[in-house]
Amino acid sequence: MPQRYARAPGVIETDLEHELVLLDPETQEMFSLNATGRCVWRALPAEGEAPLVAAVVAAYDVSPEAAEADVRRLLAELLEAGLIEARADGAGG
């Protein structure tokens, strides 16, 4: 069952044109996203990785395989940093 990815509540974002900076107000930690990361962030919430991969492929000249690897790596980093949440579809229902 695919995961549903969503931005964590309370995360503050600042767009600095060449990067998107995220701030976790609880930990005061900052996280910087490049253009590809911004594309993924803007596509949240998403049901699984497929819409996020599609957004990256549509925005950049990149293969679906390369986009999928980048999206998976970014999702893992964002989850570890507590900036996004993931749960199984249908959870809590």
PDB file of N, CA and C in Angstrom:
ATOM      1  N   MET A   1       0.850  -1.187   0.000  1.00  0.00           N
ATOM      2  CA  MET A   1       0.000   0.000   0.000  1.00  0.00           C
ATOM      3  C   MET A   1       0.894   1.249   0.000  1.00  0.00           C
ATOM      4  N   PRO A   2       0.682   2.180  -0.944  1.00  0.00           N
ATOM      5  CA  PRO A   2       1.561   3.354  -1.006  1.00  0.00           C
ATOM      6  C   PRO A   2       1.384   4.280   0.189  1.00  0.00           C
ATOM      7  N   GLN A   3       2.444   5.005   0.468  1.00  0.00           N
ATOM      8  CA  GLN A   3       2.415   5.977   1.553  1.00  0.00           C
ATOM      9  C   GLN A   3       1.822   7.280   1.048  1.00  0.00           C
ATOM     10  N   ARG A   4       1.244   8.019   1.964  1.00  0.00           N
ATOM     11  CA  ARG A   4       0.791   9.381   1.668  1.00  0.00           C
ATOM     12  C   ARG A   4       1.791  10.315   2.333  1.00  0.00           C
ATOM     13  N   TYR A   5       2.378  11.186   1.535  1.00  0.00           N
ATOM     14  CA  TYR A   5       3.373  12.127   2.043  1.00  0.00           C
ATOM     15  C   TYR A   5       2.748  13.516   2.156  1.00  0.00           C
ATOM     16  N   ALA A   6       3.011  14.186   3.267  1.00  0.00           N
ATOM     17  CA  ALA A   6       2.479  15.531   3.485  1.00  0.00           C
ATOM     18  C   ALA A   6       3.495  16.348   4.276  1.00  0.00           C
ATOM     19  N   ARG A   7       3.436  17.653   4.096  1.00  0.00           N
ATOM     20  CA  ARG A   7       4.288  18.545   4.872  1.00  0.00           C
ATOM     21  C   ARG A   7       3.916  18.436   6.345  1.00  0.00           C
ATOM     22  N   ALA A   8       4.907  18.463   7.209  1.00  0.00           N
ATOM     23  CA  ALA A   8       4.639  18.454   8.643  1.00  0.00           C
ATOM     24  C   ALA A   8       4.026  19.794   9.034  1.00  0.00           C
ATOM     25  N   PRO A   9       3.062  19.777   9.955  1.00  0.00           N
ATOM     26  CA  PRO A   9       2.448  21.038  10.381  1.00  0.00           C
ATOM     27  C   PRO A   9       3.476  21.964  11.016  1.00  0.00           C
ATOM     28  N   GLY A  10       3.336  23.248  10.728  1.00  0.00           N
ATOM     29  CA  GLY A  10       4.169  24.249  11.367  1.00  0.00           C
ATOM     30  C   GLY A  10       5.492  24.551  10.692  1.00  0.00           C
ATOM     31  N   VAL A  11       5.865  23.755   9.679  1.00  0.00           N
ATOM     32  CA  VAL A  11       7.138  24.014   9.003  1.00  0.00           C
ATOM     33  C   VAL A  11       7.042  25.358   8.282  1.00  0.00           C
ATOM     34  N   ILE A  12       8.047  26.179   8.487  1.00  0.00           N
ATOM     35  CA  ILE A  12       8.092  27.506   7.884  1.00  0.00           C
ATOM     36  C   ILE A  12       9.001  27.443   6.664  1.00  0.00           C
ATOM     37  N   GLU A  13       8.532  27.995   5.554  1.00  0.00           N
ATOM     38  CA  GLU A  13       9.358  27.992   4.349  1.00  0.00           C
ATOM     39  C   GLU A  13       9.660  29.414   3.914  1.00  0.00           C
ATOM     40  N   THR A  14      10.887  29.589   3.418  1.00  0.00           N
ATOM     41  CA  THR A  14      11.325  30.873   2.886  1.00  0.00           C
ATOM     42  C   THR A  14      11.940  30.619   1.521  1.00  0.00           C
ATOM     43  N   ASP A  15      11.388  31.266   0.498  1.00  0.00           N
ATOM     44  CA  ASP A  15      11.885  31.102  -0.857  1.00  0.00           C
ATOM     45  C   ASP A  15      12.937  32.169  -1.129  1.00  0.00           C
ATOM     46  N   LEU A  16      14.173  31.730  -1.343  1.00  0.00           N
ATOM     47  CA  LEU A  16      15.282  32.648  -1.575  1.00  0.00           C
ATOM     48  C   LEU A  16      15.693  32.673  -3.039  1.00  0.00           C
ATOM     49  N   GLU A  17      14.771  32.364  -3.931  1.00  0.00           N
ATOM     50  CA  GLU A  17      14.951  32.371  -5.377  1.00  0.00           C
ATOM     51  C   GLU A  17      15.760  31.179  -5.875  1.00  0.00           C
ATOM     52  N   HIS A  18      16.991  30.973  -5.373  1.00  0.00           N
ATOM     53  CA  HIS A  18      17.817  29.866  -5.833  1.00  0.00           C
ATOM     54  C   HIS A  18      17.734  28.653  -4.907  1.00  0.00           C
ATOM     55  N   GLU A  19      17.042  28.810  -3.807  1.00  0.00           N
ATOM     56  CA  GLU A  19      16.838  27.703  -2.876  1.00  0.00           C
ATOM     57  C   GLU A  19      15.588  27.968  -2.047  1.00  0.00           C
ATOM     58  N   LEU A  20      15.060  26.896  -1.501  1.00  0.00           N
ATOM     59  CA  LEU A  20      13.920  26.988  -0.601  1.00  0.00           C
ATOM     60  C   LEU A  20      14.413  26.541   0.768  1.00  0.00           C
ATOM     61  N   VAL A  21      14.273  27.394   1.760  1.00  0.00           N
ATOM     62  CA  VAL A  21      14.753  27.081   3.105  1.00  0.00           C
ATOM     63  C   VAL A  21      13.553  26.724   3.974  1.00  0.00           C
ATOM     64  N   LEU A  22      13.654  25.577   4.627  1.00  0.00           N
ATOM     65  CA  LEU A  22      12.604  25.109   5.529  1.00  0.00           C
ATOM     66  C   LEU A  22      13.111  25.217   6.957  1.00  0.00           C
ATOM     67  N   LEU A  23      12.244  25.636   7.852  1.00  0.00           N
ATOM     68  CA  LEU A  23      12.599  25.765   9.263  1.00  0.00           C
ATOM     69  C   LEU A  23      11.606  24.970  10.094  1.00  0.00           C
ATOM     70  N   ASP A  24      12.149  24.079  10.906  1.00  0.00           N
ATOM     71  CA  ASP A  24      11.330  23.345  11.862  1.00  0.00           C
ATOM     72  C   ASP A  24      11.257  24.198  13.119  1.00  0.00           C
ATOM     73  N   PRO A  25      10.078  24.772  13.421  1.00  0.00           N
ATOM     74  CA  PRO A  25       9.995  25.682  14.569  1.00  0.00           C
ATOM     75  C   PRO A  25      10.253  25.001  15.911  1.00  0.00           C
ATOM     76  N   GLU A  26      10.048  23.692  15.980  1.00  0.00           N
ATOM     77  CA  GLU A  26      10.273  22.987  17.252  1.00  0.00           C
ATOM     78  C   GLU A  26      11.758  22.823  17.554  1.00  0.00           C
ATOM     79  N   THR A  27      12.532  22.439  16.527  1.00  0.00           N
ATOM     80  CA  THR A  27      13.957  22.185  16.735  1.00  0.00           C
ATOM     81  C   THR A  27      14.824  23.366  16.348  1.00  0.00           C
ATOM     82  N   GLN A  28      14.243  24.343  15.625  1.00  0.00           N
ATOM     83  CA  GLN A  28      14.967  25.500  15.096  1.00  0.00           C
ATOM     84  C   GLN A  28      16.013  25.087  14.058  1.00  0.00           C
ATOM     85  N   GLU A  29      15.889  23.884  13.499  1.00  0.00           N
ATOM     86  CA  GLU A  29      16.811  23.427  12.465  1.00  0.00           C
ATOM     87  C   GLU A  29      16.324  23.888  11.106  1.00  0.00           C
ATOM     88  N   MET A  30      17.288  24.262  10.255  1.00  0.00           N
ATOM     89  CA  MET A  30      16.980  24.709   8.907  1.00  0.00           C
ATOM     90  C   MET A  30      17.418  23.644   7.913  1.00  0.00           C
ATOM     91  N   PHE A  31      16.702  23.580   6.796  1.00  0.00           N
ATOM     92  CA  PHE A  31      16.978  22.607   5.751  1.00  0.00           C
ATOM     93  C   PHE A  31      16.830  23.331   4.425  1.00  0.00           C
ATOM     94  N   SER A  32      17.833  23.225   3.567  1.00  0.00           N
ATOM     95  CA  SER A  32      17.828  23.927   2.289  1.00  0.00           C
ATOM     96  C   SER A  32      17.517  22.966   1.150  1.00  0.00           C
ATOM     97  N   LEU A  33      16.600  23.369   0.276  1.00  0.00           N
ATOM     98  CA  LEU A  33      16.242  22.564  -0.891  1.00  0.00           C
ATOM     99  C   LEU A  33      16.682  23.284  -2.162  1.00  0.00           C
ATOM    100  N   ASN A  34      17.253  22.524  -3.100  1.00  0.00           N
ATOM    101  CA  ASN A  34      17.596  23.087  -4.404  1.00  0.00           C
ATOM    102  C   ASN A  34      16.321  23.117  -5.259  1.00  0.00           C
ATOM    103  N   ALA A  35      16.462  23.428  -6.533  1.00  0.00           N
ATOM    104  CA  ALA A  35      15.292  23.564  -7.412  1.00  0.00           C
ATOM    105  C   ALA A  35      14.488  22.269  -7.509  1.00  0.00           C
ATOM    106  N   THR A  36      15.165  21.145  -7.584  1.00  0.00           N
ATOM    107  CA  THR A  36      14.460  19.862  -7.653  1.00  0.00           C
ATOM    108  C   THR A  36      13.718  19.592  -6.350  1.00  0.00           C
ATOM    109  N   GLY A  37      14.371  19.860  -5.231  1.00  0.00           N
ATOM    110  CA  GLY A  37      13.723  19.687  -3.934  1.00  0.00           C
ATOM    111  C   GLY A  37      12.517  20.588  -3.790  1.00  0.00           C
ATOM    112  N   ARG A  38      12.623  21.811  -4.295  1.00  0.00           N
ATOM    113  CA  ARG A  38      11.493  22.745  -4.259  1.00  0.00           C
ATOM    114  C   ARG A  38      10.322  22.172  -5.062  1.00  0.00           C
ATOM    115  N   CYS A  39      10.621  21.591  -6.213  1.00  0.00           N
ATOM    116  CA  CYS A  39       9.586  20.988  -7.062  1.00  0.00           C
ATOM    117  C   CYS A  39       8.839  19.900  -6.290  1.00  0.00           C
ATOM    118  N   VAL A  40       9.576  19.056  -5.599  1.00  0.00           N
ATOM    119  CA  VAL A  40       8.961  17.986  -4.800  1.00  0.00           C
ATOM    120  C   VAL A  40       8.142  18.588  -3.663  1.00  0.00           C
ATOM    121  N   TRP A  41       8.699  19.554  -2.956  1.00  0.00           N
ATOM    122  CA  TRP A  41       8.006  20.193  -1.825  1.00  0.00           C
ATOM    123  C   TRP A  41       6.674  20.799  -2.268  1.00  0.00           C
ATOM    124  N   ARG A  42       6.706  21.465  -3.430  1.00  0.00           N
ATOM    125  CA  ARG A  42       5.498  22.110  -3.944  1.00  0.00           C
ATOM    126  C   ARG A  42       4.437  21.091  -4.371  1.00  0.00           C
ATOM    127  N   ALA A  43       4.864  19.868  -4.679  1.00  0.00           N
ATOM    128  CA  ALA A  43       3.929  18.825  -5.121  1.00  0.00           C
ATOM    129  C   ALA A  43       3.276  18.090  -3.946  1.00  0.00           C
ATOM    130  N   LEU A  44       3.687  18.407  -2.719  1.00  0.00           N
ATOM    131  CA  LEU A  44       3.088  17.769  -1.530  1.00  0.00           C
ATOM    132  C   LEU A  44       1.780  18.458  -1.169  1.00  0.00           C
ATOM    133  N   PRO A  45       0.788  17.745  -0.650  1.00  0.00           N
ATOM    134  CA  PRO A  45       0.785  16.328  -0.323  1.00  0.00           C
ATOM    135  C   PRO A  45       0.645  15.471  -1.573  1.00  0.00           C
ATOM    136  N   ALA A  46       1.085  14.205  -1.442  1.00  0.00           N
ATOM    137  CA  ALA A  46       1.046  13.286  -2.566  1.00  0.00           C
ATOM    138  C   ALA A  46       0.728  11.881  -2.089  1.00  0.00           C
ATOM    139  N   GLU A  47      -0.019  11.178  -2.903  1.00  0.00           N
ATOM    140  CA  GLU A  47      -0.335   9.776  -2.635  1.00  0.00           C
ATOM    141  C   GLU A  47       0.763   8.936  -3.271  1.00  0.00           C
ATOM    142  N   GLY A  48       1.762   8.574  -2.508  1.00  0.00           N
ATOM    143  CA  GLY A  48       2.878   7.787  -3.016  1.00  0.00           C
ATOM    144  C   GLY A  48       3.920   8.650  -3.694  1.00  0.00           C
ATOM    145  N   GLU A  49       4.953   7.979  -4.195  1.00  0.00           N
ATOM    146  CA  GLU A  49       6.064   8.670  -4.840  1.00  0.00           C
ATOM    147  C   GLU A  49       5.755   9.052  -6.281  1.00  0.00           C
ATOM    148  N   ALA A  50       4.859   8.321  -6.948  1.00  0.00           N
ATOM    149  CA  ALA A  50       4.623   8.501  -8.387  1.00  0.00           C
ATOM    150  C   ALA A  50       4.305   9.942  -8.785  1.00  0.00           C
ATOM    151  N   PRO A  51       3.394  10.657  -8.082  1.00  0.00           N
ATOM    152  CA  PRO A  51       3.133  12.035  -8.488  1.00  0.00           C
ATOM    153  C   PRO A  51       4.334  12.962  -8.297  1.00  0.00           C
ATOM    154  N   LEU A  52       5.165  12.662  -7.310  1.00  0.00           N
ATOM    155  CA  LEU A  52       6.352  13.472  -7.063  1.00  0.00           C
ATOM    156  C   LEU A  52       7.389  13.247  -8.161  1.00  0.00           C
ATOM    157  N   VAL A  53       7.563  11.984  -8.549  1.00  0.00           N
ATOM    158  CA  VAL A  53       8.469  11.649  -9.646  1.00  0.00           C
ATOM    159  C   VAL A  53       7.976  12.300 -10.932  1.00  0.00           C
ATOM    160  N   ALA A  54       6.671  12.224 -11.177  1.00  0.00           N
ATOM    161  CA  ALA A  54       6.096  12.824 -12.385  1.00  0.00           C
ATOM    162  C   ALA A  54       6.322  14.329 -12.418  1.00  0.00           C
ATOM    163  N   ALA A  55       6.227  14.989 -11.268  1.00  0.00           N
ATOM    164  CA  ALA A  55       6.445  16.430 -11.206  1.00  0.00           C
ATOM    165  C   ALA A  55       7.888  16.781 -11.573  1.00  0.00           C
ATOM    166  N   VAL A  56       8.834  15.990 -11.086  1.00  0.00           N
ATOM    167  CA  VAL A  56      10.244  16.240 -11.389  1.00  0.00           C
ATOM    168  C   VAL A  56      10.531  15.978 -12.867  1.00  0.00           C
ATOM    169  N   VAL A  57       9.993  14.878 -13.402  1.00  0.00           N
ATOM    170  CA  VAL A  57      10.199  14.552 -14.824  1.00  0.00           C
ATOM    171  C   VAL A  57       9.604  15.646 -15.713  1.00  0.00           C
ATOM    172  N   ALA A  58       8.442  16.167 -15.330  1.00  0.00           N
ATOM    173  CA  ALA A  58       7.787  17.210 -16.127  1.00  0.00           C
ATOM    174  C   ALA A  58       8.568  18.529 -16.085  1.00  0.00           C
ATOM    175  N   ALA A  59       9.217  18.803 -14.969  1.00  0.00           N
ATOM    176  CA  ALA A  59       9.900  20.087 -14.799  1.00  0.00           C
ATOM    177  C   ALA A  59      11.340  20.084 -15.317  1.00  0.00           C
ATOM    178  N   TYR A  60      11.976  18.911 -15.358  1.00  0.00           N
ATOM    179  CA  TYR A  60      13.396  18.843 -15.688  1.00  0.00           C
ATOM    180  C   TYR A  60      13.646  17.755 -16.723  1.00  0.00           C
ATOM    181  N   ASP A  61      14.729  17.900 -17.456  1.00  0.00           N
ATOM    182  CA  ASP A  61      15.137  16.919 -18.448  1.00  0.00           C
ATOM    183  C   ASP A  61      15.863  15.782 -17.733  1.00  0.00           C
ATOM    184  N   VAL A  62      15.088  14.875 -17.177  1.00  0.00           N
ATOM    185  CA  VAL A  62      15.643  13.784 -16.377  1.00  0.00           C
ATOM    186  C   VAL A  62      14.803  12.531 -16.627  1.00  0.00           C
ATOM    187  N   SER A  63      15.453  11.383 -16.571  1.00  0.00           N
ATOM    188  CA  SER A  63      14.727  10.123 -16.778  1.00  0.00           C
ATOM    189  C   SER A  63      13.875   9.815 -15.551  1.00  0.00           C
ATOM    190  N   PRO A  64      12.803   9.061 -15.752  1.00  0.00           N
ATOM    191  CA  PRO A  64      11.983   8.672 -14.591  1.00  0.00           C
ATOM    192  C   PRO A  64      12.790   7.908 -13.546  1.00  0.00           C
ATOM    193  N   GLU A  65      13.754   7.113 -13.979  1.00  0.00           N
ATOM    194  CA  GLU A  65      14.568   6.341 -13.033  1.00  0.00           C
ATOM    195  C   GLU A  65      15.437   7.255 -12.182  1.00  0.00           C
ATOM    196  N   ALA A  66      16.049   8.249 -12.813  1.00  0.00           N
ATOM    197  CA  ALA A  66      16.876   9.197 -12.059  1.00  0.00           C
ATOM    198  C   ALA A  66      16.015  10.036 -11.127  1.00  0.00           C
ATOM    199  N   ALA A  67      14.851  10.467 -11.617  1.00  0.00           N
ATOM    200  CA  ALA A  67      13.937  11.259 -10.782  1.00  0.00           C
ATOM    201  C   ALA A  67      13.477  10.444  -9.584  1.00  0.00           C
ATOM    202  N   GLU A  68      13.153   9.179  -9.802  1.00  0.00           N
ATOM    203  CA  GLU A  68      12.693   8.326  -8.704  1.00  0.00           C
ATOM    204  C   GLU A  68      13.776   8.188  -7.633  1.00  0.00           C
ATOM    205  N   ALA A  69      15.014   7.992  -8.044  1.00  0.00           N
ATOM    206  CA  ALA A  69      16.113   7.881  -7.076  1.00  0.00           C
ATOM    207  C   ALA A  69      16.260   9.172  -6.282  1.00  0.00           C
ATOM    208  N   ASP A  70      16.192  10.309  -6.962  1.00  0.00           N
ATOM    209  CA  ASP A  70      16.308  11.608  -6.280  1.00  0.00           C
ATOM    210  C   ASP A  70      15.152  11.836  -5.316  1.00  0.00           C
ATOM    211  N   VAL A  71      13.935  11.512  -5.757  1.00  0.00           N
ATOM    212  CA  VAL A  71      12.750  11.713  -4.917  1.00  0.00           C
ATOM    213  C   VAL A  71      12.835  10.832  -3.675  1.00  0.00           C
ATOM    214  N   ARG A  72      13.219   9.573  -3.852  1.00  0.00           N
ATOM    215  CA  ARG A  72      13.328   8.675  -2.687  1.00  0.00           C
ATOM    216  C   ARG A  72      14.355   9.180  -1.686  1.00  0.00           C
ATOM    217  N   ARG A  73      15.507   9.644  -2.188  1.00  0.00           N
ATOM    218  CA  ARG A  73      16.546  10.164  -1.302  1.00  0.00           C
ATOM    219  C   ARG A  73      16.042  11.396  -0.545  1.00  0.00           C
ATOM    220  N   LEU A  74      15.390  12.307  -1.271  1.00  0.00           N
ATOM    221  CA  LEU A  74      14.880  13.521  -0.640  1.00  0.00           C
ATOM    222  C   LEU A  74      13.801  13.199   0.390  1.00  0.00           C
ATOM    223  N   LEU A  75      12.881  12.312   0.052  1.00  0.00           N
ATOM    224  CA  LEU A  75      11.828  11.941   1.007  1.00  0.00           C
ATOM    225  C   LEU A  75      12.433  11.367   2.284  1.00  0.00           C
ATOM    226  N   ALA A  76      13.449  10.525   2.144  1.00  0.00           N
ATOM    227  CA  ALA A  76      14.101   9.944   3.325  1.00  0.00           C
ATOM    228  C   ALA A  76      14.730  11.036   4.183  1.00  0.00           C
ATOM    229  N   GLU A  77      15.382  12.015   3.538  1.00  0.00           N
ATOM    230  CA  GLU A  77      16.004  13.112   4.283  1.00  0.00           C
ATOM    231  C   GLU A  77      14.960  13.985   4.969  1.00  0.00           C
ATOM    232  N   LEU A  78      13.873  14.282   4.267  1.00  0.00           N
ATOM    233  CA  LEU A  78      12.817  15.115   4.849  1.00  0.00           C
ATOM    234  C   LEU A  78      12.112  14.397   5.996  1.00  0.00           C
ATOM    235  N   LEU A  79      11.898  13.092   5.850  1.00  0.00           N
ATOM    236  CA  LEU A  79      11.293  12.307   6.932  1.00  0.00           C
ATOM    237  C   LEU A  79      12.200  12.295   8.157  1.00  0.00           C
ATOM    238  N   GLU A  80      13.488  12.062   7.935  1.00  0.00           N
ATOM    239  CA  GLU A  80      14.439  12.023   9.049  1.00  0.00           C
ATOM    240  C   GLU A  80      14.512  13.366   9.764  1.00  0.00           C
ATOM    241  N   ALA A  81      14.394  14.442   8.996  1.00  0.00           N
ATOM    242  CA  ALA A  81      14.442  15.784   9.582  1.00  0.00           C
ATOM    243  C   ALA A  81      13.110  16.180  10.221  1.00  0.00           C
ATOM    244  N   GLY A  82      12.065  15.375  10.034  1.00  0.00           N
ATOM    245  CA  GLY A  82      10.761  15.680  10.617  1.00  0.00           C
ATOM    246  C   GLY A  82      10.000  16.768   9.873  1.00  0.00           C
ATOM    247  N   LEU A  83      10.386  17.026   8.621  1.00  0.00           N
ATOM    248  CA  LEU A  83       9.740  18.088   7.848  1.00  0.00           C
ATOM    249  C   LEU A  83       8.531  17.600   7.060  1.00  0.00           C
ATOM    250  N   ILE A  84       8.445  16.290   6.854  1.00  0.00           N
ATOM    251  CA  ILE A  84       7.258  15.706   6.224  1.00  0.00           C
ATOM    252  C   ILE A  84       6.802  14.527   7.061  1.00  0.00           C
ATOM    253  N   GLU A  85       5.578  14.118   6.799  1.00  0.00           N
ATOM    254  CA  GLU A  85       4.995  12.951   7.456  1.00  0.00           C
ATOM    255  C   GLU A  85       4.604  11.953   6.388  1.00  0.00           C
ATOM    256  N   ALA A  86       4.660  10.679   6.732  1.00  0.00           N
ATOM    257  CA  ALA A  86       4.229   9.630   5.817  1.00  0.00           C
ATOM    258  C   ALA A  86       3.357   8.652   6.575  1.00  0.00           C
ATOM    259  N   ARG A  87       2.293   8.239   5.926  1.00  0.00           N
ATOM    260  CA  ARG A  87       1.448   7.212   6.536  1.00  0.00           C
ATOM    261  C   ARG A  87       0.827   6.394   5.427  1.00  0.00           C
ATOM    262  N   ALA A  88       0.458   5.178   5.743  1.00  0.00           N
ATOM    263  CA  ALA A  88      -0.159   4.298   4.755  1.00  0.00           C
ATOM    264  C   ALA A  88      -1.506   4.846   4.358  1.00  0.00           C
ATOM    265  N   ASP A  89      -1.854   4.731   3.080  1.00  0.00           N
ATOM    266  CA  ASP A  89      -3.183   5.160   2.621  1.00  0.00           C
ATOM    267  C   ASP A  89      -4.243   4.453   3.451  1.00  0.00           C
ATOM    268  N   GLY A  90      -5.245   5.188   3.825  1.00  0.00           N
ATOM    269  CA  GLY A  90      -6.343   4.610   4.583  1.00  0.00           C
ATOM    270  C   GLY A  90      -6.079   4.528   6.068  1.00  0.00           C
ATOM    271  N   ALA A  91      -4.894   4.925   6.520  1.00  0.00           N
ATOM    272  CA  ALA A  91      -4.588   4.876   7.947  1.00  0.00           C
ATOM    273  C   ALA A  91      -5.503   5.836   8.714  1.00  0.00           C
ATOM    274  N   GLY A  92      -5.962   5.390   9.824  1.00  0.00           N
ATOM    275  CA  GLY A  92      -6.798   6.233  10.680  1.00  0.00           C
ATOM    276  C   GLY A  92      -8.231   6.308  10.213  1.00  0.00           C
ATOM    277  N   GLY A  93      -8.589   5.497   9.203  1.00  0.00           N
ATOM    278  CA  GLY A  93      -9.942   5.576   8.694  1.00  0.00           C
ATOM    279  C   GLY A  93     -10.666   4.395   8.971  1.00  0.00           C
TER     280      GLY A  93
END
